[in-house]
Amino acid sequence: GSEFGGFFPVQVRFTPAHERFHLALCSPGDVSQVWVLVLVNAGGEPFAVVQVQRRFAPEAVSHSLALAASLGTKGKKPEFAHE
């Protein structure tokens, strides 16, 4: 179990300046036993799982956030977003 409980006891959302999508980092909880970084569309619906981590790896999350921010500013979709 977790100290706080719930689907995802901790969720941190990153939104690039263009606001076309979000990345949500979700801690282990009722839904998943691992850390998950999820691409969320502008309407707030989950779109794709970007990363799955058994142990939290901040450098991997930081890389994905930087990639999303840089591609978003160039008007391109992140390479991890598949339609």
C-alpha atoms as a PDB file:
ATOM      1  CA  GLY A   1       0.000   0.000   0.000  1.00  0.00           C
ATOM      2  CA  SER A   2       0.897   3.627   0.047  1.00  0.00           C
ATOM      3  CA  GLU A   3       0.781   6.218   2.762  1.00  0.00           C
ATOM      4  CA  PHE A   4      -1.687   8.458   0.925  1.00  0.00           C
ATOM      5  CA  GLY A   5      -3.713   5.897  -1.021  1.00  0.00           C
ATOM      6  CA  GLY A   6      -5.804   6.524  -4.095  1.00  0.00           C
ATOM      7  CA  PHE A   7      -5.381   5.818  -7.774  1.00  0.00           C
ATOM      8  CA  PHE A   8      -2.152   7.840  -7.963  1.00  0.00           C
ATOM      9  CA  PRO A   9      -1.081   9.300  -4.591  1.00  0.00           C
ATOM     10  CA  VAL A  10       1.223  11.745  -6.393  1.00  0.00           C
ATOM     11  CA  GLN A  11       0.575  13.251  -9.813  1.00  0.00           C
ATOM     12  CA  VAL A  12       2.656  16.034 -11.308  1.00  0.00           C
ATOM     13  CA  ARG A  13       1.497  17.581 -14.563  1.00  0.00           C
ATOM     14  CA  PHE A  14       3.780  19.404 -17.003  1.00  0.00           C
ATOM     15  CA  THR A  15       2.179  21.627 -19.633  1.00  0.00           C
ATOM     16  CA  PRO A  16       4.358  23.141 -22.386  1.00  0.00           C
ATOM     17  CA  ALA A  17       3.756  26.793 -23.259  1.00  0.00           C
ATOM     18  CA  HIS A  18       1.675  25.893 -26.346  1.00  0.00           C
ATOM     19  CA  GLU A  19      -0.794  23.924 -24.136  1.00  0.00           C
ATOM     20  CA  ARG A  20      -1.585  21.366 -26.895  1.00  0.00           C
ATOM     21  CA  PHE A  21      -0.850  18.457 -24.550  1.00  0.00           C
ATOM     22  CA  HIS A  22       0.296  17.668 -21.019  1.00  0.00           C
ATOM     23  CA  LEU A  23       2.609  15.097 -19.498  1.00  0.00           C
ATOM     24  CA  ALA A  24       1.430  13.603 -16.213  1.00  0.00           C
ATOM     25  CA  LEU A  25       3.888  11.806 -13.928  1.00  0.00           C
ATOM     26  CA  CYS A  26       1.960   9.380 -11.719  1.00  0.00           C
ATOM     27  CA  SER A  27       3.360   7.588  -8.692  1.00  0.00           C
ATOM     28  CA  PRO A  28       2.623   3.971  -7.808  1.00  0.00           C
ATOM     29  CA  GLY A  29      -0.835   3.503  -6.289  1.00  0.00           C
ATOM     30  CA  ASP A  30      -4.066   1.564  -6.736  1.00  0.00           C
ATOM     31  CA  VAL A  31      -3.913   1.624 -10.556  1.00  0.00           C
ATOM     32  CA  SER A  32      -0.225   0.858 -11.098  1.00  0.00           C
ATOM     33  CA  GLN A  33       2.640  -0.466  -8.991  1.00  0.00           C
ATOM     34  CA  VAL A  34       5.190   1.541 -11.009  1.00  0.00           C
ATOM     35  CA  TRP A  35       5.834   5.180 -11.907  1.00  0.00           C
ATOM     36  CA  VAL A  36       4.132   6.120 -15.193  1.00  0.00           C
ATOM     37  CA  LEU A  37       4.632   9.167 -17.423  1.00  0.00           C
ATOM     38  CA  VAL A  38       1.512   9.657 -19.538  1.00  0.00           C
ATOM     39  CA  LEU A  39       0.860  11.922 -22.514  1.00  0.00           C
ATOM     40  CA  VAL A  40      -2.516  13.607 -21.976  1.00  0.00           C
ATOM     41  CA  ASN A  41      -4.370  15.471 -24.739  1.00  0.00           C
ATOM     42  CA  ALA A  42      -5.510  19.074 -24.296  1.00  0.00           C
ATOM     43  CA  GLY A  43      -8.972  17.791 -23.314  1.00  0.00           C
ATOM     44  CA  GLY A  44      -7.485  15.953 -20.351  1.00  0.00           C
ATOM     45  CA  GLU A  45      -7.818  12.399 -21.686  1.00  0.00           C
ATOM     46  CA  PRO A  46      -4.856   9.977 -21.470  1.00  0.00           C
ATOM     47  CA  PHE A  47      -3.385   9.418 -24.920  1.00  0.00           C
ATOM     48  CA  ALA A  48      -0.187   7.355 -24.581  1.00  0.00           C
ATOM     49  CA  VAL A  49       2.171   5.956 -21.971  1.00  0.00           C
ATOM     50  CA  VAL A  50       5.557   7.593 -22.481  1.00  0.00           C
ATOM     51  CA  GLN A  51       7.568   5.888 -19.722  1.00  0.00           C
ATOM     52  CA  VAL A  52       7.180   3.159 -17.123  1.00  0.00           C
ATOM     53  CA  GLN A  53       9.670   3.054 -14.234  1.00  0.00           C
ATOM     54  CA  ARG A  54       9.955   0.553 -11.391  1.00  0.00           C
ATOM     55  CA  ARG A  55      12.155   3.024  -9.539  1.00  0.00           C
ATOM     56  CA  PHE A  56      11.740   6.756  -9.972  1.00  0.00           C
ATOM     57  CA  ALA A  57      14.405   8.033 -12.397  1.00  0.00           C
ATOM     58  CA  PRO A  58      14.300  11.845 -12.445  1.00  0.00           C
ATOM     59  CA  GLU A  59      16.877  12.107 -15.255  1.00  0.00           C
ATOM     60  CA  ALA A  60      14.638  10.069 -17.580  1.00  0.00           C
ATOM     61  CA  VAL A  61      11.601  12.202 -16.725  1.00  0.00           C
ATOM     62  CA  SER A  62      13.634  15.374 -17.209  1.00  0.00           C
ATOM     63  CA  HIS A  63      14.739  14.191 -20.662  1.00  0.00           C
ATOM     64  CA  SER A  64      11.132  13.510 -21.724  1.00  0.00           C
ATOM     65  CA  LEU A  65       9.984  16.907 -20.422  1.00  0.00           C
ATOM     66  CA  ALA A  66      12.780  18.700 -22.278  1.00  0.00           C
ATOM     67  CA  LEU A  67      11.969  16.787 -25.469  1.00  0.00           C
ATOM     68  CA  ALA A  68       8.267  17.633 -25.202  1.00  0.00           C
ATOM     69  CA  ALA A  69       8.993  21.309 -24.538  1.00  0.00           C
ATOM     70  CA  SER A  70      11.472  21.671 -27.407  1.00  0.00           C
ATOM     71  CA  LEU A  71       9.348  19.846 -29.980  1.00  0.00           C
ATOM     72  CA  GLY A  72       6.259  21.733 -28.895  1.00  0.00           C
ATOM     73  CA  THR A  73       7.935  25.082 -29.483  1.00  0.00           C
ATOM     74  CA  LYS A  74       8.897  24.038 -33.004  1.00  0.00           C
ATOM     75  CA  GLY A  75       5.318  23.130 -33.873  1.00  0.00           C
ATOM     76  CA  LYS A  76       6.063  19.418 -34.059  1.00  0.00           C
ATOM     77  CA  LYS A  77       4.448  16.574 -32.185  1.00  0.00           C
ATOM     78  CA  PRO A  78       6.643  14.722 -29.706  1.00  0.00           C
ATOM     79  CA  GLU A  79       8.191  11.631 -31.278  1.00  0.00           C
ATOM     80  CA  PHE A  80       6.572   9.485 -28.587  1.00  0.00           C
ATOM     81  CA  ALA A  81       3.075  10.568 -29.677  1.00  0.00           C
ATOM     82  CA  HIS A  82       1.648   8.074 -32.134  1.00  0.00           C
ATOM     83  CA  GLU A  83      -1.667   8.583 -33.872  1.00  0.00           C
END
